[in-house]
Structure formats: structure tokens, C-alpha cells
Amino acid sequence: MSIRHRTIAQVASMEPFSYFGPGDLPVQQSFFQWVTHILSDPRWRALHFRAALGVTSAAAAVLLAGSALVVPAEKGAAGANITSYPKAIWWSIETATTVGYGDLYPVTAWGRVIASVTMLAGITTFGMVTAAIATWFVGRAQKEAHEVRTAVRRYAHEGEDAVSTELRMLHQRFDRVEQLLDRRSEH
């Protein structure tokens, strides 16, 4: 949302611009402000994106490998229900996303070890993807907040100039009125 489309309430709810000194350098920062400043750095975002992509690729590999490994680990076990590769793929997806419907589950010790690795890979992946999305939102919000602070400062400065000019004109008028009153009192 651009500055022009913000309401007074939205601008008022932004963090106060008094925390920022000349040149938009933070004078006082909270931990959250410091973290958002670091996360908005393009170098960090590029690194973060590459890390999220790498973790997602690794998780996909773990899911496929887990699916391929769980079928032989469960083969021939009493009560085994992960008996084919398509079922194993479905099982690995629901395990990685921590949905766990309970329709498919490993019954052997090796199957449970594979399930544990699959769960950890899924949790890690979704955590990284969530962090990448949050970083993007924080970066956008910080940029918009900076635009609003800049606009508020500019409008405040323009308002101060207008008030100063108006006061100067009023003083001049009062001086003329005083001069007229002084002239009348002399006559």
C-alpha cells in the first residue's frame, strides 16, 4: 500500500518517527527493529532464499529416499500397511507435514527410524519455508514503514514552514496595528 492510500489512523499506528534521527539512522532500536533491519538486507534475503531452496531440495530427497527405504523395511512384517511405493510416498508426505492420518504407519524398528528422519526433515523444511515467507513480509512492511516515516517527516516539515510563515505574517500585521494605534494616540 502506498503512502497516499494510508489513512490518518494507519499513519498514527506506525512506530513513532521520533525514534529516528538525521538520515534515518535509528537512535534507539528494539530487538525486533534490529532483526527486521538485518533481514531486510538484500544479501541476507538472497542467502535466506538459497538456504530455503537447499533445505526444501534436501527434504524432497529425504522424502523420496524414505519412501524407497520404508517399503523394504516393512516388507513381510506382521501388520505392515506400507507395502508399495505409492503408499510409501503418501505416507512420507503425511508424515513430513505432521498430518499423520493414522492410515499408514511403520511397524518395524527400521521403519520407525525412517519415519523419525522423515518427520524431522518435514518440520525443518516447513520451518525454513515459513521463515523465508515471513522475511519477505517483514522486508516489505519495513520498506513501507520507512516510506511513511519519510512522508510524515516531510509533511511535518512543510507544516512547520507553513505555520512559521503564518506566524511571521501575523506578527507583521500586529506590528502595523500597533504602529497605527501609536500614531492615533500621538494625535
N, C-alpha and C. Protein backbone atom coordinates (compact mmCIF):
# COMPACT_ATOMS: atom_id res chain seq x y z
N MET A 1 0.85 -1.16 0.00
CA MET A 1 0.00 0.00 0.00
C MET A 1 0.90 1.23 0.00
N SER A 2 0.63 2.15 -0.90
CA SER A 2 1.47 3.33 -0.98
C SER A 2 1.08 4.33 0.12
N ILE A 3 1.91 5.32 0.28
CA ILE A 3 1.69 6.32 1.33
C ILE A 3 0.39 7.07 1.08
N ARG A 4 0.10 7.35 -0.17
CA ARG A 4 -1.09 8.14 -0.49
C ARG A 4 -2.38 7.45 -0.09
N HIS A 5 -2.37 6.13 0.02
CA HIS A 5 -3.58 5.38 0.34
C HIS A 5 -3.71 5.05 1.81
N ARG A 6 -2.84 5.56 2.63
CA ARG A 6 -2.92 5.31 4.07
C ARG A 6 -3.85 6.32 4.72
N THR A 7 -4.58 5.85 5.71
CA THR A 7 -5.44 6.75 6.47
C THR A 7 -4.63 7.35 7.61
N ILE A 8 -5.19 8.37 8.23
CA ILE A 8 -4.53 9.00 9.37
C ILE A 8 -4.33 7.98 10.49
N ALA A 9 -5.33 7.11 10.71
CA ALA A 9 -5.21 6.10 11.76
C ALA A 9 -4.07 5.14 11.47
N GLN A 10 -3.88 4.78 10.19
CA GLN A 10 -2.79 3.87 9.84
C GLN A 10 -1.44 4.55 10.06
N VAL A 11 -1.34 5.81 9.69
CA VAL A 11 -0.08 6.53 9.89
C VAL A 11 0.18 6.69 11.39
N ALA A 12 -0.87 6.99 12.16
CA ALA A 12 -0.70 7.17 13.60
C ALA A 12 -0.30 5.89 14.29
N SER A 13 -0.71 4.75 13.74
CA SER A 13 -0.38 3.48 14.39
C SER A 13 1.02 3.00 14.05
N MET A 14 1.70 3.66 13.13
CA MET A 14 3.06 3.27 12.78
C MET A 14 3.97 3.63 13.94
N GLU A 15 5.17 3.03 13.95
CA GLU A 15 6.08 3.36 15.04
C GLU A 15 6.46 4.82 14.94
N PRO A 16 6.65 5.49 16.06
CA PRO A 16 6.91 6.92 16.04
C PRO A 16 8.22 7.26 15.34
N PHE A 17 8.16 8.32 14.53
CA PHE A 17 9.36 8.71 13.80
C PHE A 17 10.35 9.42 14.70
N SER A 18 9.96 9.73 15.92
CA SER A 18 10.89 10.40 16.83
C SER A 18 12.04 9.47 17.23
N TYR A 19 11.90 8.18 16.97
CA TYR A 19 12.97 7.25 17.28
C TYR A 19 14.10 7.35 16.26
N PHE A 20 13.89 8.06 15.19
CA PHE A 20 14.88 8.12 14.12
C PHE A 20 15.45 9.51 14.03
N GLY A 21 16.76 9.55 13.87
CA GLY A 21 17.45 10.82 13.82
C GLY A 21 17.73 11.23 12.39
N PRO A 22 18.68 12.14 12.20
CA PRO A 22 19.01 12.61 10.87
C PRO A 22 19.49 11.47 9.98
N GLY A 23 19.05 11.48 8.74
CA GLY A 23 19.48 10.48 7.78
C GLY A 23 18.86 9.11 8.03
N ASP A 24 17.75 9.08 8.76
CA ASP A 24 17.03 7.83 9.02
C ASP A 24 17.87 6.80 9.76
N LEU A 25 18.85 7.23 10.53
CA LEU A 25 19.63 6.29 11.33
C LEU A 25 18.91 6.07 12.66
N PRO A 26 18.69 4.82 13.01
CA PRO A 26 17.99 4.59 14.28
C PRO A 26 18.79 5.11 15.46
N VAL A 27 18.12 5.89 16.30
CA VAL A 27 18.73 6.41 17.50
C VAL A 27 18.56 5.39 18.61
N GLN A 28 17.40 4.75 18.64
CA GLN A 28 17.09 3.77 19.66
C GLN A 28 16.36 2.64 18.94
N GLN A 29 16.82 1.41 19.13
CA GLN A 29 16.22 0.29 18.44
C GLN A 29 15.80 -0.79 19.42
N SER A 30 14.66 -1.39 19.12
CA SER A 30 14.28 -2.58 19.87
C SER A 30 14.91 -3.78 19.18
N PHE A 31 14.88 -4.92 19.83
CA PHE A 31 15.43 -6.13 19.23
C PHE A 31 14.71 -6.44 17.92
N PHE A 32 13.38 -6.28 17.90
CA PHE A 32 12.60 -6.56 16.69
C PHE A 32 13.04 -5.65 15.55
N GLN A 33 13.26 -4.37 15.84
CA GLN A 33 13.71 -3.44 14.80
C GLN A 33 15.07 -3.86 14.27
N TRP A 34 15.95 -4.29 15.15
CA TRP A 34 17.28 -4.72 14.72
C TRP A 34 17.17 -5.94 13.82
N VAL A 35 16.34 -6.92 14.22
CA VAL A 35 16.17 -8.14 13.42
C VAL A 35 15.58 -7.81 12.06
N THR A 36 14.56 -6.95 12.01
CA THR A 36 13.96 -6.60 10.72
C THR A 36 14.96 -5.85 9.84
N HIS A 37 15.82 -5.04 10.46
CA HIS A 37 16.84 -4.34 9.68
C HIS A 37 17.81 -5.34 9.04
N ILE A 38 18.24 -6.32 9.83
CA ILE A 38 19.16 -7.34 9.31
C ILE A 38 18.47 -8.17 8.22
N LEU A 39 17.22 -8.57 8.46
CA LEU A 39 16.52 -9.43 7.50
C LEU A 39 16.17 -8.70 6.21
N SER A 40 16.11 -7.37 6.24
CA SER A 40 15.76 -6.64 5.02
C SER A 40 16.96 -6.43 4.10
N ASP A 41 18.15 -6.74 4.58
CA ASP A 41 19.35 -6.61 3.77
C ASP A 41 19.26 -7.58 2.58
N PRO A 42 19.41 -7.09 1.34
CA PRO A 42 19.29 -7.97 0.17
C PRO A 42 20.25 -9.15 0.19
N ARG A 43 21.45 -8.96 0.76
CA ARG A 43 22.39 -10.08 0.84
C ARG A 43 21.84 -11.18 1.73
N TRP A 44 21.23 -10.80 2.85
CA TRP A 44 20.64 -11.79 3.75
C TRP A 44 19.47 -12.49 3.08
N ARG A 45 18.61 -11.71 2.39
CA ARG A 45 17.45 -12.33 1.73
C ARG A 45 17.90 -13.32 0.67
N ALA A 46 18.92 -12.99 -0.09
CA ALA A 46 19.41 -13.91 -1.12
C ALA A 46 19.95 -15.18 -0.46
N LEU A 47 20.71 -15.03 0.61
CA LEU A 47 21.23 -16.18 1.33
C LEU A 47 20.09 -17.00 1.93
N HIS A 48 19.12 -16.32 2.49
CA HIS A 48 17.97 -16.99 3.10
C HIS A 48 17.19 -17.79 2.06
N PHE A 49 16.99 -17.19 0.89
CA PHE A 49 16.27 -17.88 -0.19
C PHE A 49 17.05 -19.12 -0.63
N ARG A 50 18.35 -18.98 -0.80
CA ARG A 50 19.17 -20.14 -1.21
C ARG A 50 19.12 -21.23 -0.15
N ALA A 51 19.17 -20.84 1.10
CA ALA A 51 19.10 -21.83 2.18
C ALA A 51 17.75 -22.54 2.19
N ALA A 52 16.67 -21.78 2.01
CA ALA A 52 15.34 -22.38 1.98
C ALA A 52 15.20 -23.33 0.80
N LEU A 53 15.74 -22.93 -0.34
CA LEU A 53 15.69 -23.79 -1.52
C LEU A 53 16.51 -25.06 -1.29
N GLY A 54 17.67 -24.90 -0.70
CA GLY A 54 18.51 -26.06 -0.42
C GLY A 54 17.87 -27.02 0.57
N VAL A 55 17.26 -26.47 1.63
CA VAL A 55 16.60 -27.32 2.61
C VAL A 55 15.39 -28.02 2.00
N THR A 56 14.64 -27.31 1.17
CA THR A 56 13.48 -27.91 0.51
C THR A 56 13.92 -29.04 -0.42
N SER A 57 15.00 -28.83 -1.16
CA SER A 57 15.51 -29.88 -2.04
C SER A 57 15.98 -31.09 -1.24
N ALA A 58 16.67 -30.83 -0.15
CA ALA A 58 17.14 -31.92 0.70
C ALA A 58 15.96 -32.68 1.31
N ALA A 59 14.92 -31.95 1.71
CA ALA A 59 13.74 -32.60 2.29
C ALA A 59 13.03 -33.45 1.25
N ALA A 60 12.95 -32.95 0.02
CA ALA A 60 12.33 -33.75 -1.05
C ALA A 60 13.13 -35.04 -1.26
N ALA A 61 14.45 -34.91 -1.23
CA ALA A 61 15.30 -36.11 -1.38
C ALA A 61 15.09 -37.08 -0.22
N VAL A 62 14.96 -36.54 1.00
CA VAL A 62 14.73 -37.40 2.16
C VAL A 62 13.36 -38.08 2.04
N LEU A 63 12.36 -37.35 1.58
CA LEU A 63 11.03 -37.95 1.42
C LEU A 63 11.06 -39.10 0.40
N LEU A 64 11.73 -38.85 -0.72
CA LEU A 64 11.81 -39.90 -1.74
C LEU A 64 12.64 -41.08 -1.24
N ALA A 65 13.75 -40.78 -0.58
CA ALA A 65 14.59 -41.86 -0.06
C ALA A 65 13.85 -42.62 1.05
N GLY A 66 13.17 -41.87 1.92
CA GLY A 66 12.40 -42.51 2.99
C GLY A 66 11.32 -43.42 2.43
N SER A 67 10.66 -42.95 1.37
CA SER A 67 9.64 -43.77 0.72
C SER A 67 10.25 -45.04 0.14
N ALA A 68 11.42 -44.89 -0.48
CA ALA A 68 12.08 -46.05 -1.08
C ALA A 68 12.60 -47.01 -0.02
N LEU A 69 13.02 -46.49 1.12
CA LEU A 69 13.59 -47.35 2.17
C LEU A 69 12.53 -47.99 3.07
N VAL A 70 11.40 -47.32 3.27
CA VAL A 70 10.42 -47.85 4.21
C VAL A 70 9.72 -49.09 3.67
N VAL A 71 9.57 -49.18 2.35
CA VAL A 71 8.89 -50.36 1.77
C VAL A 71 9.67 -51.64 2.08
N PRO A 72 11.00 -51.71 1.77
CA PRO A 72 11.72 -52.93 2.12
C PRO A 72 11.82 -53.16 3.64
N ALA A 73 11.88 -52.06 4.43
CA ALA A 73 11.97 -52.21 5.88
C ALA A 73 10.69 -52.82 6.45
N GLU A 74 9.57 -52.53 5.83
CA GLU A 74 8.28 -53.02 6.32
C GLU A 74 7.85 -54.33 5.65
N LYS A 75 8.50 -54.68 4.58
CA LYS A 75 8.08 -55.87 3.80
C LYS A 75 8.12 -57.13 4.68
N GLY A 76 7.02 -57.84 4.67
CA GLY A 76 6.92 -59.11 5.37
C GLY A 76 6.66 -58.99 6.87
N ALA A 77 6.62 -57.77 7.43
CA ALA A 77 6.36 -57.61 8.87
C ALA A 77 4.88 -57.82 9.15
N ALA A 78 4.58 -58.40 10.30
CA ALA A 78 3.19 -58.64 10.68
C ALA A 78 2.49 -57.30 10.91
N GLY A 79 1.35 -57.10 10.30
CA GLY A 79 0.57 -55.86 10.44
C GLY A 79 1.09 -54.71 9.61
N ALA A 80 2.06 -54.93 8.73
CA ALA A 80 2.62 -53.86 7.89
C ALA A 80 1.56 -53.36 6.92
N ASN A 81 1.46 -52.05 6.78
CA ASN A 81 0.49 -51.48 5.84
C ASN A 81 1.15 -50.57 4.80
N ILE A 82 2.44 -50.33 4.91
CA ILE A 82 3.18 -49.57 3.89
C ILE A 82 3.87 -50.61 3.02
N THR A 83 3.14 -51.09 2.01
CA THR A 83 3.63 -52.24 1.24
C THR A 83 3.95 -51.92 -0.20
N SER A 84 3.70 -50.69 -0.63
CA SER A 84 4.00 -50.33 -2.03
C SER A 84 4.60 -48.92 -2.05
N TYR A 85 5.28 -48.62 -3.15
CA TYR A 85 5.92 -47.31 -3.27
C TYR A 85 4.90 -46.17 -3.30
N PRO A 86 3.77 -46.28 -4.02
CA PRO A 86 2.77 -45.19 -3.97
C PRO A 86 2.25 -44.95 -2.54
N LYS A 87 1.99 -46.02 -1.80
CA LYS A 87 1.56 -45.85 -0.41
C LYS A 87 2.68 -45.20 0.42
N ALA A 88 3.91 -45.58 0.14
CA ALA A 88 5.05 -45.02 0.87
C ALA A 88 5.21 -43.53 0.58
N ILE A 89 4.98 -43.13 -0.65
CA ILE A 89 5.04 -41.69 -1.00
C ILE A 89 3.98 -40.94 -0.19
N TRP A 90 2.75 -41.45 -0.21
CA TRP A 90 1.68 -40.81 0.54
C TRP A 90 2.03 -40.76 2.03
N TRP A 91 2.55 -41.86 2.57
CA TRP A 91 2.93 -41.91 3.97
C TRP A 91 4.01 -40.88 4.28
N SER A 92 5.01 -40.76 3.40
CA SER A 92 6.09 -39.80 3.68
C SER A 92 5.59 -38.37 3.63
N ILE A 93 4.66 -38.06 2.74
CA ILE A 93 4.12 -36.69 2.67
C ILE A 93 3.31 -36.38 3.92
N GLU A 94 2.43 -37.30 4.32
CA GLU A 94 1.63 -37.02 5.51
C GLU A 94 2.48 -37.03 6.78
N THR A 95 3.57 -37.78 6.78
CA THR A 95 4.47 -37.79 7.93
C THR A 95 5.27 -36.49 7.99
N ALA A 96 5.80 -36.06 6.85
CA ALA A 96 6.62 -34.83 6.81
C ALA A 96 5.79 -33.60 7.15
N THR A 97 4.54 -33.60 6.77
CA THR A 97 3.69 -32.44 7.07
C THR A 97 3.06 -32.56 8.46
N THR A 98 3.40 -33.59 9.17
CA THR A 98 2.92 -33.89 10.53
C THR A 98 1.40 -34.04 10.59
N VAL A 99 0.78 -34.40 9.48
CA VAL A 99 -0.66 -34.64 9.47
C VAL A 99 -0.94 -35.98 10.15
N GLY A 100 -0.28 -37.03 9.68
CA GLY A 100 -0.39 -38.34 10.30
C GLY A 100 -1.80 -38.83 10.47
N TYR A 101 -2.48 -39.13 9.39
CA TYR A 101 -3.87 -39.60 9.46
C TYR A 101 -4.00 -40.91 10.25
N GLY A 102 -2.94 -41.68 10.31
CA GLY A 102 -3.01 -42.95 11.00
C GLY A 102 -3.39 -44.11 10.10
N ASP A 103 -3.62 -43.80 8.83
CA ASP A 103 -3.98 -44.88 7.90
C ASP A 103 -2.76 -45.71 7.53
N LEU A 104 -1.58 -45.08 7.50
CA LEU A 104 -0.34 -45.78 7.20
C LEU A 104 0.68 -45.45 8.30
N TYR A 105 1.36 -46.47 8.79
CA TYR A 105 2.35 -46.27 9.84
C TYR A 105 3.32 -47.44 9.84
N PRO A 106 4.58 -47.17 10.18
CA PRO A 106 5.56 -48.26 10.22
C PRO A 106 5.38 -49.10 11.48
N VAL A 107 5.66 -50.39 11.34
CA VAL A 107 5.54 -51.29 12.50
C VAL A 107 6.89 -51.87 12.91
N THR A 108 7.91 -51.72 12.06
CA THR A 108 9.24 -52.27 12.39
C THR A 108 10.11 -51.16 12.98
N ALA A 109 11.17 -51.56 13.65
CA ALA A 109 12.11 -50.59 14.25
C ALA A 109 12.76 -49.73 13.16
N TRP A 110 13.21 -50.34 12.06
CA TRP A 110 13.83 -49.57 10.98
C TRP A 110 12.82 -48.65 10.32
N GLY A 111 11.61 -49.09 10.19
CA GLY A 111 10.55 -48.23 9.64
C GLY A 111 10.31 -47.01 10.50
N ARG A 112 10.39 -47.19 11.82
CA ARG A 112 10.19 -46.06 12.73
C ARG A 112 11.37 -45.10 12.72
N VAL A 113 12.57 -45.63 12.54
CA VAL A 113 13.74 -44.76 12.40
C VAL A 113 13.60 -43.91 11.13
N ILE A 114 13.21 -44.55 10.05
CA ILE A 114 12.99 -43.82 8.78
C ILE A 114 11.89 -42.78 8.97
N ALA A 115 10.84 -43.13 9.70
CA ALA A 115 9.75 -42.18 9.98
C ALA A 115 10.25 -40.98 10.77
N SER A 116 11.13 -41.22 11.74
CA SER A 116 11.68 -40.12 12.54
C SER A 116 12.47 -39.15 11.69
N VAL A 117 13.31 -39.68 10.81
CA VAL A 117 14.10 -38.82 9.92
C VAL A 117 13.17 -38.05 8.98
N THR A 118 12.14 -38.71 8.48
CA THR A 118 11.18 -38.05 7.58
C THR A 118 10.46 -36.92 8.30
N MET A 119 10.06 -37.16 9.55
CA MET A 119 9.39 -36.10 10.33
C MET A 119 10.31 -34.91 10.56
N LEU A 120 11.54 -35.16 10.96
CA LEU A 120 12.49 -34.07 11.20
C LEU A 120 12.75 -33.27 9.94
N ALA A 121 12.88 -33.97 8.82
CA ALA A 121 13.09 -33.27 7.54
C ALA A 121 11.89 -32.41 7.20
N GLY A 122 10.69 -32.93 7.41
CA GLY A 122 9.48 -32.16 7.13
C GLY A 122 9.35 -30.94 8.01
N ILE A 123 9.58 -31.10 9.30
CA ILE A 123 9.48 -29.98 10.23
C ILE A 123 10.50 -28.90 9.89
N THR A 124 11.72 -29.32 9.58
CA THR A 124 12.77 -28.37 9.21
C THR A 124 12.40 -27.63 7.94
N THR A 125 11.92 -28.35 6.96
CA THR A 125 11.56 -27.73 5.68
C THR A 125 10.47 -26.69 5.85
N PHE A 126 9.40 -27.06 6.53
CA PHE A 126 8.30 -26.11 6.68
C PHE A 126 8.70 -24.93 7.56
N GLY A 127 9.58 -25.16 8.50
CA GLY A 127 10.09 -24.04 9.30
C GLY A 127 10.89 -23.06 8.46
N MET A 128 11.74 -23.59 7.58
CA MET A 128 12.55 -22.72 6.71
C MET A 128 11.69 -21.97 5.70
N VAL A 129 10.73 -22.66 5.11
CA VAL A 129 9.85 -22.00 4.14
C VAL A 129 9.03 -20.91 4.82
N THR A 130 8.53 -21.21 6.01
CA THR A 130 7.77 -20.21 6.77
C THR A 130 8.66 -19.01 7.10
N ALA A 131 9.89 -19.27 7.49
CA ALA A 131 10.83 -18.16 7.79
C ALA A 131 11.11 -17.33 6.55
N ALA A 132 11.25 -17.96 5.40
CA ALA A 132 11.51 -17.22 4.15
C ALA A 132 10.32 -16.32 3.81
N ILE A 133 9.12 -16.84 3.97
CA ILE A 133 7.92 -16.04 3.68
C ILE A 133 7.81 -14.89 4.67
N ALA A 134 8.06 -15.17 5.95
CA ALA A 134 8.00 -14.12 6.97
C ALA A 134 9.03 -13.03 6.69
N THR A 135 10.22 -13.43 6.26
CA THR A 135 11.27 -12.46 5.94
C THR A 135 10.82 -11.54 4.80
N TRP A 136 10.18 -12.11 3.81
CA TRP A 136 9.68 -11.31 2.69
C TRP A 136 8.65 -10.30 3.18
N PHE A 137 7.69 -10.76 4.02
CA PHE A 137 6.67 -9.85 4.54
C PHE A 137 7.28 -8.76 5.40
N VAL A 138 8.22 -9.12 6.25
CA VAL A 138 8.86 -8.13 7.14
C VAL A 138 9.62 -7.10 6.30
N GLY A 139 10.31 -7.56 5.26
CA GLY A 139 11.03 -6.63 4.39
C GLY A 139 10.11 -5.63 3.71
N ARG A 140 8.97 -6.13 3.23
CA ARG A 140 8.00 -5.22 2.60
C ARG A 140 7.43 -4.25 3.61
N ALA A 141 7.07 -4.75 4.79
CA ALA A 141 6.50 -3.88 5.82
C ALA A 141 7.50 -2.82 6.26
N GLN A 142 8.76 -3.22 6.38
CA GLN A 142 9.78 -2.26 6.79
C GLN A 142 9.95 -1.17 5.72
N LYS A 143 9.92 -1.56 4.47
CA LYS A 143 10.06 -0.58 3.39
C LYS A 143 8.89 0.40 3.41
N GLU A 144 7.67 -0.12 3.59
CA GLU A 144 6.51 0.76 3.64
C GLU A 144 6.56 1.67 4.87
N ALA A 145 7.00 1.13 6.00
CA ALA A 145 7.12 1.95 7.21
C ALA A 145 8.12 3.08 7.00
N HIS A 146 9.22 2.77 6.31
CA HIS A 146 10.21 3.81 6.02
C HIS A 146 9.60 4.89 5.13
N GLU A 147 8.83 4.49 4.12
CA GLU A 147 8.18 5.46 3.24
C GLU A 147 7.22 6.34 4.03
N VAL A 148 6.47 5.74 4.94
CA VAL A 148 5.53 6.51 5.75
C VAL A 148 6.28 7.47 6.66
N ARG A 149 7.35 7.00 7.32
CA ARG A 149 8.13 7.89 8.20
C ARG A 149 8.68 9.06 7.41
N THR A 150 9.19 8.79 6.21
CA THR A 150 9.74 9.86 5.37
C THR A 150 8.65 10.86 5.00
N ALA A 151 7.48 10.36 4.62
CA ALA A 151 6.38 11.25 4.26
C ALA A 151 5.91 12.06 5.46
N VAL A 152 5.81 11.44 6.63
CA VAL A 152 5.37 12.15 7.82
C VAL A 152 6.38 13.25 8.16
N ARG A 153 7.67 12.92 8.07
CA ARG A 153 8.70 13.95 8.34
C ARG A 153 8.57 15.10 7.34
N ARG A 154 8.39 14.75 6.06
CA ARG A 154 8.28 15.80 5.03
C ARG A 154 7.06 16.67 5.28
N TYR A 155 5.91 16.02 5.56
CA TYR A 155 4.70 16.79 5.81
C TYR A 155 4.81 17.60 7.09
N ALA A 156 5.46 17.05 8.11
CA ALA A 156 5.65 17.80 9.35
C ALA A 156 6.53 19.02 9.10
N HIS A 157 7.60 18.83 8.31
CA HIS A 157 8.48 19.96 7.99
C HIS A 157 7.73 21.02 7.19
N GLU A 158 6.95 20.58 6.20
CA GLU A 158 6.17 21.53 5.40
C GLU A 158 5.16 22.25 6.29
N GLY A 159 4.55 21.52 7.23
CA GLY A 159 3.60 22.13 8.15
C GLY A 159 4.27 23.15 9.05
N GLU A 160 5.48 22.82 9.53
CA GLU A 160 6.22 23.77 10.36
C GLU A 160 6.55 25.03 9.57
N ASP A 161 6.94 24.86 8.32
CA ASP A 161 7.25 26.02 7.48
C ASP A 161 6.00 26.88 7.26
N ALA A 162 4.87 26.22 7.03
CA ALA A 162 3.62 26.96 6.81
C ALA A 162 3.22 27.71 8.07
N VAL A 163 3.32 27.08 9.22
CA VAL A 163 2.97 27.74 10.49
C VAL A 163 3.93 28.89 10.76
N SER A 164 5.21 28.68 10.49
CA SER A 164 6.20 29.73 10.70
C SER A 164 5.90 30.94 9.81
N THR A 165 5.57 30.69 8.56
CA THR A 165 5.23 31.77 7.63
C THR A 165 3.98 32.50 8.10
N GLU A 166 2.98 31.74 8.52
CA GLU A 166 1.73 32.34 9.01
C GLU A 166 1.98 33.19 10.25
N LEU A 167 2.83 32.71 11.17
CA LEU A 167 3.16 33.48 12.37
C LEU A 167 3.90 34.77 12.02
N ARG A 168 4.83 34.65 11.08
CA ARG A 168 5.57 35.83 10.66
C ARG A 168 4.60 36.89 10.08
N MET A 169 3.64 36.44 9.27
CA MET A 169 2.67 37.37 8.69
C MET A 169 1.79 37.99 9.79
N LEU A 170 1.40 37.19 10.77
CA LEU A 170 0.59 37.72 11.87
C LEU A 170 1.38 38.75 12.67
N HIS A 171 2.65 38.48 12.94
CA HIS A 171 3.49 39.45 13.65
C HIS A 171 3.60 40.76 12.88
N GLN A 172 3.76 40.65 11.57
CA GLN A 172 3.84 41.86 10.75
C GLN A 172 2.54 42.65 10.83
N ARG A 173 1.41 41.95 10.80
CA ARG A 173 0.12 42.63 10.88
C ARG A 173 -0.05 43.29 12.24
N PHE A 174 0.32 42.57 13.31
CA PHE A 174 0.21 43.16 14.65
C PHE A 174 1.13 44.37 14.79
N ASP A 175 2.32 44.29 14.20
CA ASP A 175 3.22 45.45 14.24
C ASP A 175 2.59 46.65 13.55
N ARG A 176 1.92 46.43 12.41
CA ARG A 176 1.26 47.53 11.70
C ARG A 176 0.10 48.10 12.52
N VAL A 177 -0.65 47.22 13.17
CA VAL A 177 -1.76 47.67 14.02
C VAL A 177 -1.21 48.49 15.17
N GLU A 178 -0.13 48.03 15.79
CA GLU A 178 0.48 48.78 16.90
C GLU A 178 0.97 50.15 16.43
N GLN A 179 1.57 50.17 15.23
CA GLN A 179 2.04 51.44 14.69
C GLN A 179 0.87 52.39 14.45
N LEU A 180 -0.23 51.86 13.91
CA LEU A 180 -1.41 52.69 13.68
C LEU A 180 -1.98 53.21 15.01
N LEU A 181 -2.01 52.35 16.01
CA LEU A 181 -2.51 52.78 17.33
C LEU A 181 -1.60 53.83 17.95
N ASP A 182 -0.28 53.63 17.77
CA ASP A 182 0.66 54.62 18.30
C ASP A 182 0.47 55.97 17.60
N ARG A 183 0.26 55.99 16.32
CA ARG A 183 0.05 57.24 15.57
C ARG A 183 -1.23 57.92 16.02
N ARG A 184 -2.26 57.13 16.25
CA ARG A 184 -3.53 57.73 16.68
C ARG A 184 -3.43 58.30 18.09
N SER A 185 -2.67 57.63 18.93
CA SER A 185 -2.54 58.12 20.31
C SER A 185 -1.68 59.41 20.34
N GLU A 186 -0.79 59.59 19.37
CA GLU A 186 0.03 60.79 19.31
C GLU A 186 -0.79 61.98 18.84
N HIS A 187 -1.84 61.80 18.09
CA HIS A 187 -2.64 62.92 17.56
C HIS A 187 -3.72 63.29 18.46
